[in-house]
Amino acid sequence: MAVGVRSRAAYDTLGRVTGRQAGARAVIPLFPLGTVLVPGLVLPLHVFEPRYRRLVADLQERPDEERGFGVVAIREGHEVGESGVTALHDVGTLALMRTVTPYPDGRSDLVTNGDARFRLHRLVDTGTPYHCGEVEWLDEPDGGEPDDVAALSQAVVRRFDEYRAAVARTGAVEAAQMLALPDDARTLSYLVAVAMVLDLRERQALLEAGSTLERLRHEMALLGRETGLVRELPSLPAVDLARTPSALN
């Protein structure tokens, strides 16, 4: 396995998504994972596979602002082995490497932060043992008039509070202790995307949403569905959410 994801981690609303020109292309290292990274998410990783040890070493030779790799969710295959991944999703997120804690045997713990989204166009052979790909940076449009986005954002906050209350009634203390949701609509849309108990396909769809408004609309529907499920089967998602801390730093 390439890494161990030590935690689903927290959403860093104090971290800024780096301004990368929408539509511009770049070749970046890729890190296929069985999870979805969204902008702003703090993602700790435990690296132990040799090719990704090499990636960490290569990144440490770069300036701080260039120490990034693309996290792309695996569509088919597994993280294990050289040929484990057979297909990737098209949209991923740049992970900026913030800290590296090395071990004497070559393993390391990373703390990364989700940055800009990208669309993967093709894999590129750069001669490295890890994958690299040509990516196009994606824009983050609101997708509507400011008043419309703000109104929908508030509706999502209310529905998420209902979801959180339903989960808290099952005994998931973490859900009850989550801090106040952010006012910024885009930040809110990504936080809700990682706070809900969803499968990879649904979380990936939220990442790929073309605008904040589109993502919030999708979340309204998902929150309504998931709240109903929690109320009917309270013991099932409570365990998952309790293992998925999602707090504001």
C-alpha atoms as a PDB file:
ATOM      1  CA  MET A   1       0.000   0.000   0.000  1.00  0.00           C
ATOM      2  CA  ALA A   2       1.257   3.456  -0.827  1.00  0.00           C
ATOM      3  CA  VAL A   3       0.225   5.130   2.404  1.00  0.00           C
ATOM      4  CA  GLY A   4      -1.879   4.822   5.474  1.00  0.00           C
ATOM      5  CA  VAL A   5      -4.386   7.597   5.997  1.00  0.00           C
ATOM      6  CA  ARG A   6      -3.936   8.247   9.692  1.00  0.00           C
ATOM      7  CA  SER A   7      -7.093  10.300  10.043  1.00  0.00           C
ATOM      8  CA  ARG A   8      -9.898  11.807   8.030  1.00  0.00           C
ATOM      9  CA  ALA A   9      -8.605  14.911   9.770  1.00  0.00           C
ATOM     10  CA  ALA A  10      -9.952  18.424  10.084  1.00  0.00           C
ATOM     11  CA  TYR A  11     -11.026  21.148   7.731  1.00  0.00           C
ATOM     12  CA  ASP A  12      -8.630  24.071   7.861  1.00  0.00           C
ATOM     13  CA  THR A  13     -10.706  27.189   7.242  1.00  0.00           C
ATOM     14  CA  LEU A  14      -7.703  29.338   8.061  1.00  0.00           C
ATOM     15  CA  GLY A  15      -5.670  27.870   5.215  1.00  0.00           C
ATOM     16  CA  ARG A  16      -6.003  29.618   1.869  1.00  0.00           C
ATOM     17  CA  VAL A  17      -6.352  27.799  -1.405  1.00  0.00           C
ATOM     18  CA  THR A  18      -3.383  28.847  -3.503  1.00  0.00           C
ATOM     19  CA  GLY A  19      -4.280  31.062  -6.444  1.00  0.00           C
ATOM     20  CA  ARG A  20      -3.552  28.995  -9.543  1.00  0.00           C
ATOM     21  CA  GLN A  21      -4.677  30.253 -12.902  1.00  0.00           C
ATOM     22  CA  ALA A  22      -7.831  28.445 -13.984  1.00  0.00           C
ATOM     23  CA  GLY A  23      -7.300  26.800 -17.349  1.00  0.00           C
ATOM     24  CA  ALA A  24      -3.513  26.681 -17.038  1.00  0.00           C
ATOM     25  CA  ARG A  25      -1.836  23.298 -17.267  1.00  0.00           C
ATOM     26  CA  ALA A  26       1.036  21.704 -15.378  1.00  0.00           C
ATOM     27  CA  VAL A  27       2.706  18.321 -14.931  1.00  0.00           C
ATOM     28  CA  ILE A  28       2.579  17.219 -11.301  1.00  0.00           C
ATOM     29  CA  PRO A  29       3.268  14.033  -9.302  1.00  0.00           C
ATOM     30  CA  LEU A  30       0.158  11.952  -8.617  1.00  0.00           C
ATOM     31  CA  PHE A  31      -0.795  10.096  -5.468  1.00  0.00           C
ATOM     32  CA  PRO A  32      -3.761   7.748  -6.122  1.00  0.00           C
ATOM     33  CA  LEU A  33      -5.751   7.077  -2.971  1.00  0.00           C
ATOM     34  CA  GLY A  34      -8.930   5.328  -2.001  1.00  0.00           C
ATOM     35  CA  THR A  35     -10.315   8.589  -0.656  1.00  0.00           C
ATOM     36  CA  VAL A  36     -11.339  12.042  -1.884  1.00  0.00           C
ATOM     37  CA  LEU A  37      -9.371  15.136  -0.893  1.00  0.00           C
ATOM     38  CA  VAL A  38     -11.167  18.487  -1.117  1.00  0.00           C
ATOM     39  CA  PRO A  39      -9.678  21.999  -0.973  1.00  0.00           C
ATOM     40  CA  GLY A  40      -8.956  23.000   2.612  1.00  0.00           C
ATOM     41  CA  LEU A  41      -8.931  19.512   4.080  1.00  0.00           C
ATOM     42  CA  VAL A  42      -5.970  18.692   6.320  1.00  0.00           C
ATOM     43  CA  LEU A  43      -4.903  15.175   5.355  1.00  0.00           C
ATOM     44  CA  PRO A  44      -2.240  13.333   7.403  1.00  0.00           C
ATOM     45  CA  LEU A  45      -0.576  10.452   5.562  1.00  0.00           C
ATOM     46  CA  HIS A  46       1.819   7.682   6.544  1.00  0.00           C
ATOM     47  CA  VAL A  47       4.189   6.918   3.657  1.00  0.00           C
ATOM     48  CA  PHE A  48       6.010   3.618   3.468  1.00  0.00           C
ATOM     49  CA  GLU A  49       5.998   2.328  -0.131  1.00  0.00           C
ATOM     50  CA  PRO A  50       9.419   2.918  -1.829  1.00  0.00           C
ATOM     51  CA  ARG A  51       8.135   4.919  -4.814  1.00  0.00           C
ATOM     52  CA  TYR A  52       6.335   7.366  -2.537  1.00  0.00           C
ATOM     53  CA  ARG A  53       9.346   7.614  -0.266  1.00  0.00           C
ATOM     54  CA  ARG A  54      11.107   8.795  -3.420  1.00  0.00           C
ATOM     55  CA  LEU A  55       8.295  11.292  -4.055  1.00  0.00           C
ATOM     56  CA  VAL A  56       8.684  12.759  -0.566  1.00  0.00           C
ATOM     57  CA  ALA A  57      12.450  13.029  -1.039  1.00  0.00           C
ATOM     58  CA  ASP A  58      12.003  14.741  -4.428  1.00  0.00           C
ATOM     59  CA  LEU A  59       9.498  17.224  -3.011  1.00  0.00           C
ATOM     60  CA  GLN A  60      11.780  18.119  -0.118  1.00  0.00           C
ATOM     61  CA  GLU A  61      14.324  19.368  -2.662  1.00  0.00           C
ATOM     62  CA  ARG A  62      11.820  21.919  -4.011  1.00  0.00           C
ATOM     63  CA  PRO A  63      10.826  25.331  -2.623  1.00  0.00           C
ATOM     64  CA  ASP A  64       8.008  25.215  -0.076  1.00  0.00           C
ATOM     65  CA  GLU A  65       5.375  26.521  -2.502  1.00  0.00           C
ATOM     66  CA  GLU A  66       6.202  23.739  -5.000  1.00  0.00           C
ATOM     67  CA  ARG A  67       5.973  20.816  -2.570  1.00  0.00           C
ATOM     68  CA  GLY A  68       2.697  19.489  -3.888  1.00  0.00           C
ATOM     69  CA  PHE A  69       1.250  16.350  -5.451  1.00  0.00           C
ATOM     70  CA  GLY A  70      -2.124  15.519  -6.918  1.00  0.00           C
ATOM     71  CA  VAL A  71      -4.424  13.321  -4.860  1.00  0.00           C
ATOM     72  CA  VAL A  72      -6.754  11.468  -7.228  1.00  0.00           C
ATOM     73  CA  ALA A  73      -9.365   8.995  -6.058  1.00  0.00           C
ATOM     74  CA  ILE A  74      -9.062   5.493  -7.475  1.00  0.00           C
ATOM     75  CA  ARG A  75     -11.950   4.526  -9.740  1.00  0.00           C
ATOM     76  CA  GLU A  76     -10.801   0.932 -10.272  1.00  0.00           C
ATOM     77  CA  GLY A  77      -8.061  -1.059  -8.579  1.00  0.00           C
ATOM     78  CA  HIS A  78      -6.214  -0.670  -5.299  1.00  0.00           C
ATOM     79  CA  GLU A  79      -3.416   1.331  -3.735  1.00  0.00           C
ATOM     80  CA  VAL A  80      -1.330  -1.829  -3.362  1.00  0.00           C
ATOM     81  CA  GLY A  81       1.477  -2.718  -5.768  1.00  0.00           C
ATOM     82  CA  GLU A  82       2.845  -1.377  -9.019  1.00  0.00           C
ATOM     83  CA  SER A  83      -0.194  -2.264 -11.132  1.00  0.00           C
ATOM     84  CA  GLY A  84      -2.856  -1.997  -8.452  1.00  0.00           C
ATOM     85  CA  VAL A  85      -4.509   1.115  -9.896  1.00  0.00           C
ATOM     86  CA  THR A  86      -6.269   0.499 -13.189  1.00  0.00           C
ATOM     87  CA  ALA A  87      -8.400   3.664 -13.463  1.00  0.00           C
ATOM     88  CA  LEU A  88      -8.501   7.078 -11.792  1.00  0.00           C
ATOM     89  CA  HIS A  89     -11.170   9.717 -11.458  1.00  0.00           C
ATOM     90  CA  ASP A  90     -10.705  12.750 -13.676  1.00  0.00           C
ATOM     91  CA  VAL A  91     -10.870  15.444 -10.983  1.00  0.00           C
ATOM     92  CA  GLY A  92      -8.518  15.611  -8.014  1.00  0.00           C
ATOM     93  CA  THR A  93      -6.998  18.092  -5.586  1.00  0.00           C
ATOM     94  CA  LEU A  94      -3.452  19.325  -5.141  1.00  0.00           C
ATOM     95  CA  ALA A  95      -2.070  18.381  -1.707  1.00  0.00           C
ATOM     96  CA  LEU A  96       0.578  20.742  -0.382  1.00  0.00           C
ATOM     97  CA  MET A  97       3.084  19.063   1.903  1.00  0.00           C
ATOM     98  CA  ARG A  98       3.284  21.092   5.122  1.00  0.00           C
ATOM     99  CA  THR A  99       5.351  18.919   7.461  1.00  0.00           C
ATOM    100  CA  VAL A 100       7.383  15.727   7.171  1.00  0.00           C
ATOM    101  CA  THR A 101       8.267  13.551  10.161  1.00  0.00           C
ATOM    102  CA  PRO A 102      10.808  10.903   9.067  1.00  0.00           C
ATOM    103  CA  TYR A 103      11.469   7.515  10.678  1.00  0.00           C
ATOM    104  CA  PRO A 104      14.903   5.834  10.753  1.00  0.00           C
ATOM    105  CA  ASP A 105      13.706   3.043   8.420  1.00  0.00           C
ATOM    106  CA  GLY A 106      12.697   5.473   5.652  1.00  0.00           C
ATOM    107  CA  ARG A 107       8.995   5.749   6.400  1.00  0.00           C
ATOM    108  CA  SER A 108       7.536   9.178   7.120  1.00  0.00           C
ATOM    109  CA  ASP A 109       4.423  10.916   8.400  1.00  0.00           C
ATOM    110  CA  LEU A 110       3.132  13.808   6.326  1.00  0.00           C
ATOM    111  CA  VAL A 111       0.683  16.564   7.024  1.00  0.00           C
ATOM    112  CA  THR A 112      -0.796  17.907   3.805  1.00  0.00           C
ATOM    113  CA  ASN A 113      -3.406  20.529   3.009  1.00  0.00           C
ATOM    114  CA  GLY A 114      -5.864  20.372   0.116  1.00  0.00           C
ATOM    115  CA  ASP A 115      -5.237  23.218  -2.307  1.00  0.00           C
ATOM    116  CA  ALA A 116      -6.542  23.787  -5.856  1.00  0.00           C
ATOM    117  CA  ARG A 117      -8.718  21.335  -7.808  1.00  0.00           C
ATOM    118  CA  PHE A 118      -7.564  20.029 -11.161  1.00  0.00           C
ATOM    119  CA  ARG A 119      -8.718  17.899 -14.058  1.00  0.00           C
ATOM    120  CA  LEU A 120      -6.367  15.074 -15.045  1.00  0.00           C
ATOM    121  CA  HIS A 121      -5.884  14.974 -18.826  1.00  0.00           C
ATOM    122  CA  ARG A 122      -3.230  12.284 -19.253  1.00  0.00           C
ATOM    123  CA  LEU A 123      -0.489  10.392 -17.499  1.00  0.00           C
ATOM    124  CA  VAL A 124       3.047  11.542 -18.320  1.00  0.00           C
ATOM    125  CA  ASP A 125       6.186   9.401 -18.170  1.00  0.00           C
ATOM    126  CA  THR A 126       8.769  11.526 -16.371  1.00  0.00           C
ATOM    127  CA  GLY A 127      11.090   8.666 -15.490  1.00  0.00           C
ATOM    128  CA  THR A 128      10.049   8.586 -11.851  1.00  0.00           C
ATOM    129  CA  PRO A 129       8.801   5.463 -10.050  1.00  0.00           C
ATOM    130  CA  TYR A 130       5.603   7.320  -9.081  1.00  0.00           C
ATOM    131  CA  HIS A 131       2.899   8.484 -11.483  1.00  0.00           C
ATOM    132  CA  CYS A 132       2.864  11.984 -12.946  1.00  0.00           C
ATOM    133  CA  GLY A 133       0.100  13.605 -14.929  1.00  0.00           C
ATOM    134  CA  GLU A 134      -0.742  16.631 -17.022  1.00  0.00           C
ATOM    135  CA  VAL A 135      -3.465  18.531 -15.182  1.00  0.00           C
ATOM    136  CA  GLU A 136      -5.590  21.608 -15.811  1.00  0.00           C
ATOM    137  CA  TRP A 137      -6.380  23.850 -12.844  1.00  0.00           C
ATOM    138  CA  LEU A 138     -10.091  24.348 -12.261  1.00  0.00           C
ATOM    139  CA  ASP A 139     -11.920  27.532 -11.368  1.00  0.00           C
ATOM    140  CA  GLU A 140     -14.091  27.970  -8.265  1.00  0.00           C
ATOM    141  CA  PRO A 141     -17.101  29.979  -9.520  1.00  0.00           C
ATOM    142  CA  ASP A 142     -20.048  30.820  -7.292  1.00  0.00           C
ATOM    143  CA  GLY A 143     -22.433  29.785 -10.060  1.00  0.00           C
ATOM    144  CA  GLY A 144     -25.158  32.328  -9.340  1.00  0.00           C
ATOM    145  CA  GLU A 145     -26.058  35.710  -7.921  1.00  0.00           C
ATOM    146  CA  PRO A 146     -24.540  36.435  -4.496  1.00  0.00           C
ATOM    147  CA  ASP A 147     -27.970  36.602  -2.842  1.00  0.00           C
ATOM    148  CA  ASP A 148     -28.964  33.223  -4.291  1.00  0.00           C
ATOM    149  CA  VAL A 149     -25.736  31.596  -3.147  1.00  0.00           C
ATOM    150  CA  ALA A 150     -26.071  33.125   0.316  1.00  0.00           C
ATOM    151  CA  ALA A 151     -29.692  31.983   0.676  1.00  0.00           C
ATOM    152  CA  LEU A 152     -28.866  28.421  -0.357  1.00  0.00           C
ATOM    153  CA  SER A 153     -25.852  28.441   1.936  1.00  0.00           C
ATOM    154  CA  GLN A 154     -28.061  29.295   4.903  1.00  0.00           C
ATOM    155  CA  ALA A 155     -30.516  26.572   3.919  1.00  0.00           C
ATOM    156  CA  VAL A 156     -27.656  24.042   3.858  1.00  0.00           C
ATOM    157  CA  VAL A 157     -26.550  25.206   7.321  1.00  0.00           C
ATOM    158  CA  ARG A 158     -30.052  24.607   8.692  1.00  0.00           C
ATOM    159  CA  ARG A 159     -30.321  21.199   7.061  1.00  0.00           C
ATOM    160  CA  PHE A 160     -26.852  20.217   8.226  1.00  0.00           C
ATOM    161  CA  ASP A 161     -27.818  21.185  11.784  1.00  0.00           C
ATOM    162  CA  GLU A 162     -30.774  18.792  11.485  1.00  0.00           C
ATOM    163  CA  TYR A 163     -28.421  16.064  10.218  1.00  0.00           C
ATOM    164  CA  ARG A 164     -25.929  16.723  13.003  1.00  0.00           C
ATOM    165  CA  ALA A 165     -28.670  16.622  15.628  1.00  0.00           C
ATOM    166  CA  ALA A 166     -29.968  13.315  14.269  1.00  0.00           C
ATOM    167  CA  VAL A 167     -26.478  11.810  14.375  1.00  0.00           C
ATOM    168  CA  ALA A 168     -25.833  13.196  17.862  1.00  0.00           C
ATOM    169  CA  ARG A 169     -28.958  11.458  19.150  1.00  0.00           C
ATOM    170  CA  THR A 170     -27.358   8.142  18.210  1.00  0.00           C
ATOM    171  CA  GLY A 171     -24.520   8.791  20.652  1.00  0.00           C
ATOM    172  CA  ALA A 172     -21.839  10.157  18.314  1.00  0.00           C
ATOM    173  CA  VAL A 173     -20.391  12.787  20.652  1.00  0.00           C
ATOM    174  CA  GLU A 174     -18.096  14.202  17.978  1.00  0.00           C
ATOM    175  CA  ALA A 175     -21.071  15.233  15.872  1.00  0.00           C
ATOM    176  CA  ALA A 176     -22.652  17.107  18.756  1.00  0.00           C
ATOM    177  CA  GLN A 177     -19.393  18.937  19.500  1.00  0.00           C
ATOM    178  CA  MET A 178     -18.670  20.213  15.979  1.00  0.00           C
ATOM    179  CA  LEU A 179     -18.067  23.949  15.964  1.00  0.00           C
ATOM    180  CA  ALA A 180     -20.110  26.546  14.105  1.00  0.00           C
ATOM    181  CA  LEU A 181     -20.163  26.262  10.326  1.00  0.00           C
ATOM    182  CA  PRO A 182     -18.323  28.921   8.281  1.00  0.00           C
ATOM    183  CA  ASP A 183     -20.078  31.870   6.672  1.00  0.00           C
ATOM    184  CA  ASP A 184     -18.206  31.584   3.374  1.00  0.00           C
ATOM    185  CA  ALA A 185     -20.358  29.563   0.958  1.00  0.00           C
ATOM    186  CA  ARG A 186     -17.518  27.810  -0.867  1.00  0.00           C
ATOM    187  CA  THR A 187     -15.783  26.822   2.372  1.00  0.00           C
ATOM    188  CA  LEU A 188     -19.115  25.611   3.714  1.00  0.00           C
ATOM    189  CA  SER A 189     -19.753  23.513   0.606  1.00  0.00           C
ATOM    190  CA  TYR A 190     -16.442  21.685   0.988  1.00  0.00           C
ATOM    191  CA  LEU A 191     -16.778  21.236   4.749  1.00  0.00           C
ATOM    192  CA  VAL A 192     -20.212  19.667   4.384  1.00  0.00           C
ATOM    193  CA  ALA A 193     -18.806  17.422   1.637  1.00  0.00           C
ATOM    194  CA  VAL A 194     -16.310  15.889   4.080  1.00  0.00           C
ATOM    195  CA  ALA A 195     -18.516  15.965   7.191  1.00  0.00           C
ATOM    196  CA  MET A 196     -21.307  13.764   5.844  1.00  0.00           C
ATOM    197  CA  VAL A 197     -21.113   9.981   5.861  1.00  0.00           C
ATOM    198  CA  LEU A 198     -20.935   9.330   2.106  1.00  0.00           C
ATOM    199  CA  ASP A 199     -19.390   6.735  -0.168  1.00  0.00           C
ATOM    200  CA  LEU A 200     -16.486   7.670  -2.435  1.00  0.00           C
ATOM    201  CA  ARG A 201     -18.664   8.052  -5.526  1.00  0.00           C
ATOM    202  CA  GLU A 202     -20.919  10.645  -3.901  1.00  0.00           C
ATOM    203  CA  ARG A 203     -18.056  12.555  -2.314  1.00  0.00           C
ATOM    204  CA  GLN A 204     -16.263  12.585  -5.670  1.00  0.00           C
ATOM    205  CA  ALA A 205     -19.384  14.009  -7.319  1.00  0.00           C
ATOM    206  CA  LEU A 206     -19.359  16.878  -4.796  1.00  0.00           C
ATOM    207  CA  LEU A 207     -15.687  17.547  -5.540  1.00  0.00           C
ATOM    208  CA  GLU A 208     -16.441  17.651  -9.272  1.00  0.00           C
ATOM    209  CA  ALA A 209     -19.364  20.086  -8.966  1.00  0.00           C
ATOM    210  CA  GLY A 210     -18.921  22.926 -11.433  1.00  0.00           C
ATOM    211  CA  SER A 211     -19.777  25.681  -8.958  1.00  0.00           C
ATOM    212  CA  THR A 212     -20.442  26.360  -5.299  1.00  0.00           C
ATOM    213  CA  LEU A 213     -24.156  26.712  -6.053  1.00  0.00           C
ATOM    214  CA  GLU A 214     -24.266  23.306  -7.766  1.00  0.00           C
ATOM    215  CA  ARG A 215     -22.422  21.678  -4.861  1.00  0.00           C
ATOM    216  CA  LEU A 216     -24.753  23.226  -2.276  1.00  0.00           C
ATOM    217  CA  ARG A 217     -27.837  22.076  -4.198  1.00  0.00           C
ATOM    218  CA  HIS A 218     -26.493  18.535  -4.307  1.00  0.00           C
ATOM    219  CA  GLU A 219     -25.739  18.676  -0.590  1.00  0.00           C
ATOM    220  CA  MET A 220     -29.270  19.819   0.210  1.00  0.00           C
ATOM    221  CA  ALA A 221     -30.600  16.636  -1.386  1.00  0.00           C
ATOM    222  CA  LEU A 222     -27.969  14.417   0.233  1.00  0.00           C
ATOM    223  CA  LEU A 223     -28.523  15.922   3.685  1.00  0.00           C
ATOM    224  CA  GLY A 224     -32.257  15.325   3.426  1.00  0.00           C
ATOM    225  CA  ARG A 225     -31.680  11.714   2.446  1.00  0.00           C
ATOM    226  CA  GLU A 226     -28.991  11.029   5.031  1.00  0.00           C
ATOM    227  CA  THR A 227     -30.950  12.644   7.866  1.00  0.00           C
ATOM    228  CA  GLY A 228     -33.865  10.351   7.098  1.00  0.00           C
ATOM    229  CA  LEU A 229     -31.565   7.315   7.051  1.00  0.00           C
ATOM    230  CA  VAL A 230     -29.968   8.246  10.373  1.00  0.00           C
ATOM    231  CA  ARG A 231     -33.375   8.575  11.994  1.00  0.00           C
ATOM    232  CA  GLU A 232     -34.474   5.181  10.671  1.00  0.00           C
ATOM    233  CA  LEU A 233     -31.193   3.336  11.282  1.00  0.00           C
ATOM    234  CA  PRO A 234     -29.527   5.402  13.994  1.00  0.00           C
ATOM    235  CA  SER A 235     -26.842   2.934  14.967  1.00  0.00           C
ATOM    236  CA  LEU A 236     -25.220   2.577  11.529  1.00  0.00           C
ATOM    237  CA  PRO A 237     -23.887   5.972  10.441  1.00  0.00           C
ATOM    238  CA  ALA A 238     -23.200   7.101  13.999  1.00  0.00           C
ATOM    239  CA  VAL A 239     -20.238   4.759  14.255  1.00  0.00           C
ATOM    240  CA  ASP A 240     -18.780   6.007  10.985  1.00  0.00           C
ATOM    241  CA  LEU A 241     -19.181   9.668  11.830  1.00  0.00           C
ATOM    242  CA  ALA A 242     -17.687   9.163  15.256  1.00  0.00           C
ATOM    243  CA  ARG A 243     -14.586   7.880  13.499  1.00  0.00           C
ATOM    244  CA  THR A 244     -14.550  10.838  11.117  1.00  0.00           C
ATOM    245  CA  PRO A 245     -13.721  13.932  13.155  1.00  0.00           C
ATOM    246  CA  SER A 246     -14.480  17.087  11.229  1.00  0.00           C
ATOM    247  CA  ALA A 247     -13.802  20.282  13.105  1.00  0.00           C
ATOM    248  CA  LEU A 248     -12.819  23.827  12.274  1.00  0.00           C
ATOM    249  CA  ASN A 249      -9.286  24.883  13.131  1.00  0.00           C
END
